Amino acid sequence: MEREEITTVLCCLRCQKETEHRVVYQGGLVKAIQCNECGLEVGFDPSKLRALYGEDLVRRVLTKPRRITEEYKRDLFSFVSSIPFRIATKPYRMFKEIESLKDD
């Protein structure tokens, strides 16, 4: 997962009204939120984000057998035909996901 930015309307802590904010995601987690009106930026501690990500990774690993079972029960042909590609690309996808969590 790479860095992504979106603009949305949130209630600003400083302005005390709904304003446009820039939300920065990195590795699927919110890295920072900045008010476009007053400039207040709320950041998140990277070490805490990594800890949360680690918990998410463990949860995903532990639930993988159940998710695979659900997937092949839904559509066995698609599941079986996608396995070779998924096995070949998984190390790269994991590497990119972990790299996206590093500081810029």
PDB file of N, CA and C in Angstrom:
ATOM      1  N   MET A   1       0.836  -1.181   0.000  1.00  0.00           N
ATOM      2  CA  MET A   1       0.000   0.000   0.000  1.00  0.00           C
ATOM      3  C   MET A   1       0.878   1.240   0.000  1.00  0.00           C
ATOM      4  N   GLU A   2       0.473   2.172  -0.770  1.00  0.00           N
ATOM      5  CA  GLU A   2       1.267   3.373  -0.875  1.00  0.00           C
ATOM      6  C   GLU A   2       0.574   4.541  -0.196  1.00  0.00           C
ATOM      7  N   ARG A   3       1.257   5.657  -0.194  1.00  0.00           N
ATOM      8  CA  ARG A   3       0.735   6.888   0.382  1.00  0.00           C
ATOM      9  C   ARG A   3      -0.413   7.404  -0.489  1.00  0.00           C
ATOM     10  N   GLU A   4      -1.487   7.818   0.173  1.00  0.00           N
ATOM     11  CA  GLU A   4      -2.658   8.322  -0.535  1.00  0.00           C
ATOM     12  C   GLU A   4      -3.187   9.534   0.214  1.00  0.00           C
ATOM     13  N   GLU A   5      -3.644  10.533  -0.516  1.00  0.00           N
ATOM     14  CA  GLU A   5      -4.231  11.725   0.092  1.00  0.00           C
ATOM     15  C   GLU A   5      -5.642  11.916  -0.432  1.00  0.00           C
ATOM     16  N   ILE A   6      -6.547  12.265   0.471  1.00  0.00           N
ATOM     17  CA  ILE A   6      -7.910  12.590   0.066  1.00  0.00           C
ATOM     18  C   ILE A   6      -8.319  13.888   0.752  1.00  0.00           C
ATOM     19  N   THR A   7      -9.328  14.518   0.225  1.00  0.00           N
ATOM     20  CA  THR A   7      -9.897  15.711   0.842  1.00  0.00           C
ATOM     21  C   THR A   7     -11.315  15.364   1.266  1.00  0.00           C
ATOM     22  N   THR A   8     -11.648  15.737   2.504  1.00  0.00           N
ATOM     23  CA  THR A   8     -12.981  15.444   3.027  1.00  0.00           C
ATOM     24  C   THR A   8     -13.386  16.557   3.991  1.00  0.00           C
ATOM     25  N   VAL A   9     -14.632  16.579   4.365  1.00  0.00           N
ATOM     26  CA  VAL A   9     -15.134  17.576   5.308  1.00  0.00           C
ATOM     27  C   VAL A   9     -15.211  16.938   6.690  1.00  0.00           C
ATOM     28  N   LEU A  10     -14.523  17.568   7.641  1.00  0.00           N
ATOM     29  CA  LEU A  10     -14.520  17.116   9.031  1.00  0.00           C
ATOM     30  C   LEU A  10     -14.726  18.320   9.942  1.00  0.00           C
ATOM     31  N   CYS A  11     -15.061  18.082  11.178  1.00  0.00           N
ATOM     32  CA  CYS A  11     -15.176  19.156  12.156  1.00  0.00           C
ATOM     33  C   CYS A  11     -13.778  19.440  12.702  1.00  0.00           C
ATOM     34  N   CYS A  12     -13.278  20.651  12.491  1.00  0.00           N
ATOM     35  CA  CYS A  12     -11.929  21.026  12.917  1.00  0.00           C
ATOM     36  C   CYS A  12     -11.898  21.289  14.421  1.00  0.00           C
ATOM     37  N   LEU A  13     -10.844  20.790  15.056  1.00  0.00           N
ATOM     38  CA  LEU A  13     -10.687  20.991  16.501  1.00  0.00           C
ATOM     39  C   LEU A  13     -10.452  22.459  16.848  1.00  0.00           C
ATOM     40  N   ARG A  14      -9.750  23.187  15.977  1.00  0.00           N
ATOM     41  CA  ARG A  14      -9.450  24.595  16.241  1.00  0.00           C
ATOM     42  C   ARG A  14     -10.578  25.512  15.757  1.00  0.00           C
ATOM     43  N   CYS A  15     -11.030  25.308  14.516  1.00  0.00           N
ATOM     44  CA  CYS A  15     -12.073  26.172  13.937  1.00  0.00           C
ATOM     45  C   CYS A  15     -13.440  25.948  14.591  1.00  0.00           C
ATOM     46  N   GLN A  16     -13.654  24.754  15.141  1.00  0.00           N
ATOM     47  CA  GLN A  16     -14.929  24.365  15.735  1.00  0.00           C
ATOM     48  C   GLN A  16     -16.084  24.460  14.741  1.00  0.00           C
ATOM     49  N   LYS A  17     -15.779  24.141  13.477  1.00  0.00           N
ATOM     50  CA  LYS A  17     -16.817  24.065  12.450  1.00  0.00           C
ATOM     51  C   LYS A  17     -16.360  23.068  11.390  1.00  0.00           C
ATOM     52  N   GLU A  18     -17.300  22.681  10.534  1.00  0.00           N
ATOM     53  CA  GLU A  18     -16.965  21.741   9.484  1.00  0.00           C
ATOM     54  C   GLU A  18     -16.192  22.454   8.385  1.00  0.00           C
ATOM     55  N   THR A  19     -14.992  21.950   8.098  1.00  0.00           N
ATOM     56  CA  THR A  19     -14.138  22.516   7.061  1.00  0.00           C
ATOM     57  C   THR A  19     -13.517  21.374   6.255  1.00  0.00           C
ATOM     58  N   GLU A  20     -12.959  21.734   5.096  1.00  0.00           N
ATOM     59  CA  GLU A  20     -12.256  20.726   4.307  1.00  0.00           C
ATOM     60  C   GLU A  20     -10.945  20.378   4.992  1.00  0.00           C
ATOM     61  N   HIS A  21     -10.622  19.104   4.987  1.00  0.00           N
ATOM     62  CA  HIS A  21      -9.378  18.602   5.567  1.00  0.00           C
ATOM     63  C   HIS A  21      -8.672  17.714   4.551  1.00  0.00           C
ATOM     64  N   ARG A  22      -7.353  17.701   4.622  1.00  0.00           N
ATOM     65  CA  ARG A  22      -6.536  16.790   3.822  1.00  0.00           C
ATOM     66  C   ARG A  22      -6.177  15.622   4.733  1.00  0.00           C
ATOM     67  N   VAL A  23      -6.535  14.415   4.320  1.00  0.00           N
ATOM     68  CA  VAL A  23      -6.245  13.216   5.104  1.00  0.00           C
ATOM     69  C   VAL A  23      -5.194  12.415   4.345  1.00  0.00           C
ATOM     70  N   VAL A  24      -4.080  12.124   5.019  1.00  0.00           N
ATOM     71  CA  VAL A  24      -2.985  11.358   4.415  1.00  0.00           C
ATOM     72  C   VAL A  24      -3.008   9.953   4.989  1.00  0.00           C
ATOM     73  N   TYR A  25      -3.121   8.989   4.089  1.00  0.00           N
ATOM     74  CA  TYR A  25      -3.074   7.578   4.474  1.00  0.00           C
ATOM     75  C   TYR A  25      -1.720   7.010   4.057  1.00  0.00           C
ATOM     76  N   GLN A  26      -1.177   6.151   4.879  1.00  0.00           N
ATOM     77  CA  GLN A  26       0.041   5.439   4.517  1.00  0.00           C
ATOM     78  C   GLN A  26      -0.082   4.021   5.055  1.00  0.00           C
ATOM     79  N   GLY A  27       0.059   3.067   4.163  1.00  0.00           N
ATOM     80  CA  GLY A  27      -0.096   1.675   4.572  1.00  0.00           C
ATOM     81  C   GLY A  27      -1.499   1.357   5.033  1.00  0.00           C
ATOM     82  N   GLY A  28      -2.481   2.063   4.488  1.00  0.00           N
ATOM     83  CA  GLY A  28      -3.862   1.809   4.860  1.00  0.00           C
ATOM     84  C   GLY A  28      -4.288   2.428   6.177  1.00  0.00           C
ATOM     85  N   LEU A  29      -3.384   3.143   6.835  1.00  0.00           N
ATOM     86  CA  LEU A  29      -3.690   3.785   8.107  1.00  0.00           C
ATOM     87  C   LEU A  29      -3.584   5.299   7.957  1.00  0.00           C
ATOM     88  N   VAL A  30      -4.338   6.033   8.752  1.00  0.00           N
ATOM     89  CA  VAL A  30      -4.274   7.492   8.720  1.00  0.00           C
ATOM     90  C   VAL A  30      -2.943   7.936   9.320  1.00  0.00           C
ATOM     91  N   LYS A  31      -2.187   8.715   8.541  1.00  0.00           N
ATOM     92  CA  LYS A  31      -0.898   9.218   9.013  1.00  0.00           C
ATOM     93  C   LYS A  31      -1.041  10.646   9.555  1.00  0.00           C
ATOM     94  N   ALA A  32      -1.836  11.473   8.883  1.00  0.00           N
ATOM     95  CA  ALA A  32      -2.018  12.860   9.327  1.00  0.00           C
ATOM     96  C   ALA A  32      -3.321  13.418   8.760  1.00  0.00           C
ATOM     97  N   ILE A  33      -3.871  14.403   9.483  1.00  0.00           N
ATOM     98  CA  ILE A  33      -5.067  15.121   9.041  1.00  0.00           C
ATOM     99  C   ILE A  33      -4.786  16.604   9.208  1.00  0.00           C
ATOM    100  N   GLN A  34      -5.025  17.390   8.143  1.00  0.00           N
ATOM    101  CA  GLN A  34      -4.747  18.826   8.206  1.00  0.00           C
ATOM    102  C   GLN A  34      -5.962  19.620   7.728  1.00  0.00           C
ATOM    103  N   CYS A  35      -6.337  20.631   8.528  1.00  0.00           N
ATOM    104  CA  CYS A  35      -7.442  21.521   8.174  1.00  0.00           C
ATOM    105  C   CYS A  35      -6.975  22.455   7.063  1.00  0.00           C
ATOM    106  N   ASN A  36      -7.737  22.536   5.983  1.00  0.00           N
ATOM    107  CA  ASN A  36      -7.375  23.418   4.873  1.00  0.00           C
ATOM    108  C   ASN A  36      -7.649  24.885   5.188  1.00  0.00           C
ATOM    109  N   GLU A  37      -8.458  25.153   6.222  1.00  0.00           N
ATOM    110  CA  GLU A  37      -8.793  26.537   6.556  1.00  0.00           C
ATOM    111  C   GLU A  37      -7.787  27.158   7.529  1.00  0.00           C
ATOM    112  N   CYS A  38      -7.514  26.498   8.644  1.00  0.00           N
ATOM    113  CA  CYS A  38      -6.621  27.087   9.658  1.00  0.00           C
ATOM    114  C   CYS A  38      -5.231  26.450   9.670  1.00  0.00           C
ATOM    115  N   GLY A  39      -5.074  25.319   8.983  1.00  0.00           N
ATOM    116  CA  GLY A  39      -3.763  24.676   8.902  1.00  0.00           C
ATOM    117  C   GLY A  39      -3.426  23.734  10.050  1.00  0.00           C
ATOM    118  N   LEU A  40      -4.323  23.570  11.020  1.00  0.00           N
ATOM    119  CA  LEU A  40      -4.057  22.657  12.128  1.00  0.00           C
ATOM    120  C   LEU A  40      -3.815  21.258  11.577  1.00  0.00           C
ATOM    121  N   GLU A  41      -2.688  20.669  11.964  1.00  0.00           N
ATOM    122  CA  GLU A  41      -2.375  19.316  11.523  1.00  0.00           C
ATOM    123  C   GLU A  41      -2.285  18.389  12.725  1.00  0.00           C
ATOM    124  N   VAL A  42      -2.993  17.288  12.624  1.00  0.00           N
ATOM    125  CA  VAL A  42      -2.948  16.264  13.656  1.00  0.00           C
ATOM    126  C   VAL A  42      -2.199  15.083  13.048  1.00  0.00           C
ATOM    127  N   GLY A  43      -1.075  14.740  13.654  1.00  0.00           N
ATOM    128  CA  GLY A  43      -0.272  13.629  13.162  1.00  0.00           C
ATOM    129  C   GLY A  43      -0.402  12.437  14.090  1.00  0.00           C
ATOM    130  N   PHE A  44       0.073  11.313  13.626  1.00  0.00           N
ATOM    131  CA  PHE A  44       0.001  10.091  14.399  1.00  0.00           C
ATOM    132  C   PHE A  44       1.397   9.517  14.553  1.00  0.00           C
ATOM    133  N   ASP A  45       1.718   9.048  15.726  1.00  0.00           N
ATOM    134  CA  ASP A  45       3.035   8.508  16.047  1.00  0.00           C
ATOM    135  C   ASP A  45       3.313   7.261  15.203  1.00  0.00           C
ATOM    136  N   PRO A  46       4.367   7.304  14.370  1.00  0.00           N
ATOM    137  CA  PRO A  46       4.664   6.158  13.503  1.00  0.00           C
ATOM    138  C   PRO A  46       4.882   4.855  14.269  1.00  0.00           C
ATOM    139  N   SER A  47       5.499   4.927  15.450  1.00  0.00           N
ATOM    140  CA  SER A  47       5.738   3.690  16.204  1.00  0.00           C
ATOM    141  C   SER A  47       4.411   3.084  16.679  1.00  0.00           C
ATOM    142  N   LYS A  48       3.474   3.943  17.050  1.00  0.00           N
ATOM    143  CA  LYS A  48       2.160   3.441  17.454  1.00  0.00           C
ATOM    144  C   LYS A  48       1.399   2.887  16.253  1.00  0.00           C
ATOM    145  N   LEU A  49       1.554   3.552  15.092  1.00  0.00           N
ATOM    146  CA  LEU A  49       0.924   3.034  13.887  1.00  0.00           C
ATOM    147  C   LEU A  49       1.478   1.662  13.533  1.00  0.00           C
ATOM    148  N   ARG A  50       2.796   1.504  13.668  1.00  0.00           N
ATOM    149  CA  ARG A  50       3.409   0.206  13.377  1.00  0.00           C
ATOM    150  C   ARG A  50       2.880  -0.856  14.345  1.00  0.00           C
ATOM    151  N   ALA A  51       2.718  -0.471  15.607  1.00  0.00           N
ATOM    152  CA  ALA A  51       2.195  -1.418  16.598  1.00  0.00           C
ATOM    153  C   ALA A  51       0.774  -1.833  16.215  1.00  0.00           C
ATOM    154  N   LEU A  52      -0.045  -0.855  15.821  1.00  0.00           N
ATOM    155  CA  LEU A  52      -1.403  -1.177  15.388  1.00  0.00           C
ATOM    156  C   LEU A  52      -1.383  -2.040  14.143  1.00  0.00           C
ATOM    157  N   TYR A  53      -0.480  -1.710  13.221  1.00  0.00           N
ATOM    158  CA  TYR A  53      -0.363  -2.495  12.006  1.00  0.00           C
ATOM    159  C   TYR A  53       0.040  -3.927  12.344  1.00  0.00           C
ATOM    160  N   GLY A  54       0.963  -4.078  13.274  1.00  0.00           N
ATOM    161  CA  GLY A  54       1.401  -5.407  13.694  1.00  0.00           C
ATOM    162  C   GLY A  54       0.242  -6.220  14.233  1.00  0.00           C
ATOM    163  N   GLU A  55      -0.610  -5.585  15.027  1.00  0.00           N
ATOM    164  CA  GLU A  55      -1.796  -6.267  15.540  1.00  0.00           C
ATOM    165  C   GLU A  55      -2.717  -6.676  14.398  1.00  0.00           C
ATOM    166  N   ASP A  56      -2.859  -5.784  13.415  1.00  0.00           N
ATOM    167  CA  ASP A  56      -3.698  -6.077  12.258  1.00  0.00           C
ATOM    168  C   ASP A  56      -3.111  -7.237  11.460  1.00  0.00           C
ATOM    169  N   LEU A  57      -1.796  -7.249  11.292  1.00  0.00           N
ATOM    170  CA  LEU A  57      -1.141  -8.323  10.554  1.00  0.00           C
ATOM    171  C   LEU A  57      -1.356  -9.668  11.251  1.00  0.00           C
ATOM    172  N   VAL A  58      -1.204  -9.687  12.565  1.00  0.00           N
ATOM    173  CA  VAL A  58      -1.424 -10.924  13.315  1.00  0.00           C
ATOM    174  C   VAL A  58      -2.876 -11.379  13.153  1.00  0.00           C
ATOM    175  N   ARG A  59      -3.811 -10.457  13.246  1.00  0.00           N
ATOM    176  CA  ARG A  59      -5.227 -10.795  13.074  1.00  0.00           C
ATOM    177  C   ARG A  59      -5.464 -11.369  11.680  1.00  0.00           C
ATOM    178  N   ARG A  60      -4.869 -10.754  10.664  1.00  0.00           N
ATOM    179  CA  ARG A  60      -5.048 -11.242   9.298  1.00  0.00           C
ATOM    180  C   ARG A  60      -4.457 -12.638   9.120  1.00  0.00           C
ATOM    181  N   VAL A  61      -3.297 -12.885   9.712  1.00  0.00           N
ATOM    182  CA  VAL A  61      -2.677 -14.214   9.622  1.00  0.00           C
ATOM    183  C   VAL A  61      -3.564 -15.256  10.311  1.00  0.00           C
ATOM    184  N   LEU A  62      -4.075 -14.913  11.480  1.00  0.00           N
ATOM    185  CA  LEU A  62      -4.888 -15.866  12.233  1.00  0.00           C
ATOM    186  C   LEU A  62      -6.231 -16.161  11.566  1.00  0.00           C
ATOM    187  N   THR A  63      -6.763 -15.203  10.833  1.00  0.00           N
ATOM    188  CA  THR A  63      -8.063 -15.416  10.188  1.00  0.00           C
ATOM    189  C   THR A  63      -7.931 -15.905   8.748  1.00  0.00           C
ATOM    190  N   LYS A  64      -6.696 -16.035   8.243  1.00  0.00           N
ATOM    191  CA  LYS A  64      -6.490 -16.449   6.853  1.00  0.00           C
ATOM    192  C   LYS A  64      -7.139 -17.796   6.525  1.00  0.00           C
ATOM    193  N   PRO A  65      -6.981 -18.838   7.342  1.00  0.00           N
ATOM    194  CA  PRO A  65      -7.626 -20.118   6.993  1.00  0.00           C
ATOM    195  C   PRO A  65      -9.142 -19.993   6.802  1.00  0.00           C
ATOM    196  N   ARG A  66      -9.789 -19.243   7.679  1.00  0.00           N
ATOM    197  CA  ARG A  66     -11.240 -19.063   7.559  1.00  0.00           C
ATOM    198  C   ARG A  66     -11.583 -18.284   6.289  1.00  0.00           C
ATOM    199  N   ARG A  67     -10.800 -17.246   6.000  1.00  0.00           N
ATOM    200  CA  ARG A  67     -11.075 -16.434   4.813  1.00  0.00           C
ATOM    201  C   ARG A  67     -10.850 -17.226   3.526  1.00  0.00           C
ATOM    202  N   ILE A  68      -9.834 -18.081   3.518  1.00  0.00           N
ATOM    203  CA  ILE A  68      -9.586 -18.925   2.341  1.00  0.00           C
ATOM    204  C   ILE A  68     -10.729 -19.911   2.149  1.00  0.00           C
ATOM    205  N   THR A  69     -11.189 -20.515   3.237  1.00  0.00           N
ATOM    206  CA  THR A  69     -12.304 -21.460   3.157  1.00  0.00           C
ATOM    207  C   THR A  69     -13.540 -20.769   2.596  1.00  0.00           C
ATOM    208  N   GLU A  70     -13.845 -19.577   3.083  1.00  0.00           N
ATOM    209  CA  GLU A  70     -15.004 -18.828   2.574  1.00  0.00           C
ATOM    210  C   GLU A  70     -14.837 -18.519   1.091  1.00  0.00           C
ATOM    211  N   GLU A  71     -13.623 -18.168   0.710  1.00  0.00           N
ATOM    212  CA  GLU A  71     -13.369 -17.804  -0.681  1.00  0.00           C
ATOM    213  C   GLU A  71     -13.567 -19.000  -1.612  1.00  0.00           C
ATOM    214  N   TYR A  72     -13.012 -20.162  -1.269  1.00  0.00           N
ATOM    215  CA  TYR A  72     -13.169 -21.297  -2.186  1.00  0.00           C
ATOM    216  C   TYR A  72     -14.595 -21.836  -2.170  1.00  0.00           C
ATOM    217  N   LYS A  73     -15.328 -21.655  -1.081  1.00  0.00           N
ATOM    218  CA  LYS A  73     -16.738 -22.076  -1.070  1.00  0.00           C
ATOM    219  C   LYS A  73     -17.592 -21.172  -1.965  1.00  0.00           C
ATOM    220  N   ARG A  74     -17.217 -19.908  -2.053  1.00  0.00           N
ATOM    221  CA  ARG A  74     -17.948 -18.971  -2.908  1.00  0.00           C
ATOM    222  C   ARG A  74     -17.760 -19.298  -4.381  1.00  0.00           C
ATOM    223  N   ASP A  75     -16.487 -19.527  -4.784  1.00  0.00           N
ATOM    224  CA  ASP A  75     -16.202 -19.762  -6.201  1.00  0.00           C
ATOM    225  C   ASP A  75     -14.913 -20.556  -6.324  1.00  0.00           C
ATOM    226  N   LEU A  76     -15.035 -21.865  -6.372  1.00  0.00           N
ATOM    227  CA  LEU A  76     -13.879 -22.759  -6.382  1.00  0.00           C
ATOM    228  C   LEU A  76     -13.001 -22.526  -7.613  1.00  0.00           C
ATOM    229  N   PHE A  77     -13.618 -22.351  -8.787  1.00  0.00           N
ATOM    230  CA  PHE A  77     -12.830 -22.165 -10.003  1.00  0.00           C
ATOM    231  C   PHE A  77     -11.958 -20.912  -9.934  1.00  0.00           C
ATOM    232  N   SER A  78     -12.540 -19.795  -9.548  1.00  0.00           N
ATOM    233  CA  SER A  78     -11.758 -18.547  -9.439  1.00  0.00           C
ATOM    234  C   SER A  78     -10.662 -18.680  -8.395  1.00  0.00           C
ATOM    235  N   PHE A  79     -10.988 -19.323  -7.290  1.00  0.00           N
ATOM    236  CA  PHE A  79     -10.008 -19.509  -6.224  1.00  0.00           C
ATOM    237  C   PHE A  79      -8.814 -20.318  -6.727  1.00  0.00           C
ATOM    238  N   VAL A  80      -9.075 -21.477  -7.325  1.00  0.00           N
ATOM    239  CA  VAL A  80      -7.995 -22.353  -7.795  1.00  0.00           C
ATOM    240  C   VAL A  80      -7.185 -21.684  -8.898  1.00  0.00           C
ATOM    241  N   SER A  81      -7.856 -20.966  -9.798  1.00  0.00           N
ATOM    242  CA  SER A  81      -7.126 -20.336 -10.905  1.00  0.00           C
ATOM    243  C   SER A  81      -6.281 -19.151 -10.444  1.00  0.00           C
ATOM    244  N   SER A  82      -6.612 -18.548  -9.320  1.00  0.00           N
ATOM    245  CA  SER A  82      -5.848 -17.388  -8.845  1.00  0.00           C
ATOM    246  C   SER A  82      -4.673 -17.766  -7.943  1.00  0.00           C
ATOM    247  N   ILE A  83      -4.664 -18.982  -7.420  1.00  0.00           N
ATOM    248  CA  ILE A  83      -3.635 -19.387  -6.453  1.00  0.00           C
ATOM    249  C   ILE A  83      -2.206 -19.242  -6.980  1.00  0.00           C
ATOM    250  N   PRO A  84      -1.860 -19.732  -8.183  1.00  0.00           N
ATOM    251  CA  PRO A  84      -0.461 -19.608  -8.624  1.00  0.00           C
ATOM    252  C   PRO A  84       0.027 -18.155  -8.646  1.00  0.00           C
ATOM    253  N   PHE A  85      -0.785 -17.254  -9.159  1.00  0.00           N
ATOM    254  CA  PHE A  85      -0.405 -15.840  -9.211  1.00  0.00           C
ATOM    255  C   PHE A  85      -0.263 -15.270  -7.802  1.00  0.00           C
ATOM    256  N   ARG A  86      -1.199 -15.583  -6.927  1.00  0.00           N
ATOM    257  CA  ARG A  86      -1.165 -15.057  -5.566  1.00  0.00           C
ATOM    258  C   ARG A  86       0.062 -15.548  -4.805  1.00  0.00           C
ATOM    259  N   ILE A  87       0.406 -16.825  -4.979  1.00  0.00           N
ATOM    260  CA  ILE A  87       1.582 -17.374  -4.299  1.00  0.00           C
ATOM    261  C   ILE A  87       2.848 -16.702  -4.815  1.00  0.00           C
ATOM    262  N   ALA A  88       2.904 -16.476  -6.121  1.00  0.00           N
ATOM    263  CA  ALA A  88       4.098 -15.862  -6.716  1.00  0.00           C
ATOM    264  C   ALA A  88       4.260 -14.403  -6.315  1.00  0.00           C
ATOM    265  N   THR A  89       3.152 -13.679  -6.145  1.00  0.00           N
ATOM    266  CA  THR A  89       3.245 -12.240  -5.878  1.00  0.00           C
ATOM    267  C   THR A  89       3.161 -11.868  -4.399  1.00  0.00           C
ATOM    268  N   LYS A  90       2.797 -12.789  -3.524  1.00  0.00           N
ATOM    269  CA  LYS A  90       2.599 -12.456  -2.107  1.00  0.00           C
ATOM    270  C   LYS A  90       3.846 -11.866  -1.446  1.00  0.00           C
ATOM    271  N   PRO A  91       5.047 -12.444  -1.651  1.00  0.00           N
ATOM    272  CA  PRO A  91       6.229 -11.827  -1.020  1.00  0.00           C
ATOM    273  C   PRO A  91       6.407 -10.365  -1.435  1.00  0.00           C
ATOM    274  N   TYR A  92       6.208 -10.063  -2.704  1.00  0.00           N
ATOM    275  CA  TYR A  92       6.348  -8.686  -3.183  1.00  0.00           C
ATOM    276  C   TYR A  92       5.277  -7.785  -2.566  1.00  0.00           C
ATOM    277  N   ARG A  93       4.051  -8.271  -2.507  1.00  0.00           N
ATOM    278  CA  ARG A  93       2.972  -7.465  -1.927  1.00  0.00           C
ATOM    279  C   ARG A  93       3.228  -7.172  -0.457  1.00  0.00           C
ATOM    280  N   MET A  94       3.725  -8.161   0.275  1.00  0.00           N
ATOM    281  CA  MET A  94       4.046  -7.947   1.698  1.00  0.00           C
ATOM    282  C   MET A  94       5.187  -6.941   1.840  1.00  0.00           C
ATOM    283  N   PHE A  95       6.199  -7.061   0.987  1.00  0.00           N
ATOM    284  CA  PHE A  95       7.323  -6.122   1.011  1.00  0.00           C
ATOM    285  C   PHE A  95       6.825  -4.696   0.778  1.00  0.00           C
ATOM    286  N   LYS A  96       5.982  -4.494  -0.228  1.00  0.00           N
ATOM    287  CA  LYS A  96       5.455  -3.157  -0.524  1.00  0.00           C
ATOM    288  C   LYS A  96       4.619  -2.627   0.634  1.00  0.00           C
ATOM    289  N   GLU A  97       3.854  -3.485   1.263  1.00  0.00           N
ATOM    290  CA  GLU A  97       3.024  -3.070   2.391  1.00  0.00           C
ATOM    291  C   GLU A  97       3.895  -2.608   3.557  1.00  0.00           C
ATOM    292  N   ILE A  98       4.941  -3.349   3.858  1.00  0.00           N
ATOM    293  CA  ILE A  98       5.845  -2.982   4.950  1.00  0.00           C
ATOM    294  C   ILE A  98       6.638  -1.735   4.602  1.00  0.00           C
ATOM    295  N   GLU A  99       7.101  -1.609   3.358  1.00  0.00           N
ATOM    296  CA  GLU A  99       7.824  -0.411   2.922  1.00  0.00           C
ATOM    297  C   GLU A  99       6.974   0.842   3.034  1.00  0.00           C
ATOM    298  N   SER A 100       5.677   0.711   2.783  1.00  0.00           N
ATOM    299  CA  SER A 100       4.795   1.887   2.825  1.00  0.00           C
ATOM    300  C   SER A 100       4.652   2.441   4.234  1.00  0.00           C
ATOM    301  N   LEU A 101       4.994   1.654   5.232  1.00  0.00           N
ATOM    302  CA  LEU A 101       4.879   2.110   6.616  1.00  0.00           C
ATOM    303  C   LEU A 101       6.110   2.879   7.097  1.00  0.00           C
ATOM    304  N   LYS A 102       7.187   2.812   6.329  1.00  0.00           N
ATOM    305  CA  LYS A 102       8.408   3.522   6.731  1.00  0.00           C
ATOM    306  C   LYS A 102       8.213   5.023   6.551  1.00  0.00           C
ATOM    307  N   ASP A 103       8.934   5.793   7.380  1.00  0.00           N
ATOM    308  CA  ASP A 103       8.851   7.247   7.284  1.00  0.00           C
ATOM    309  C   ASP A 103       9.386   7.726   5.950  1.00  0.00           C
ATOM    310  N   ASP A 104       8.803   8.838   5.486  1.00  0.00           N
ATOM    311  CA  ASP A 104       9.254   9.443   4.217  1.00  0.00           C
ATOM    312  C   ASP A 104      10.598  10.086   4.375  1.00  0.00           C
TER     313      ASP A 104
END
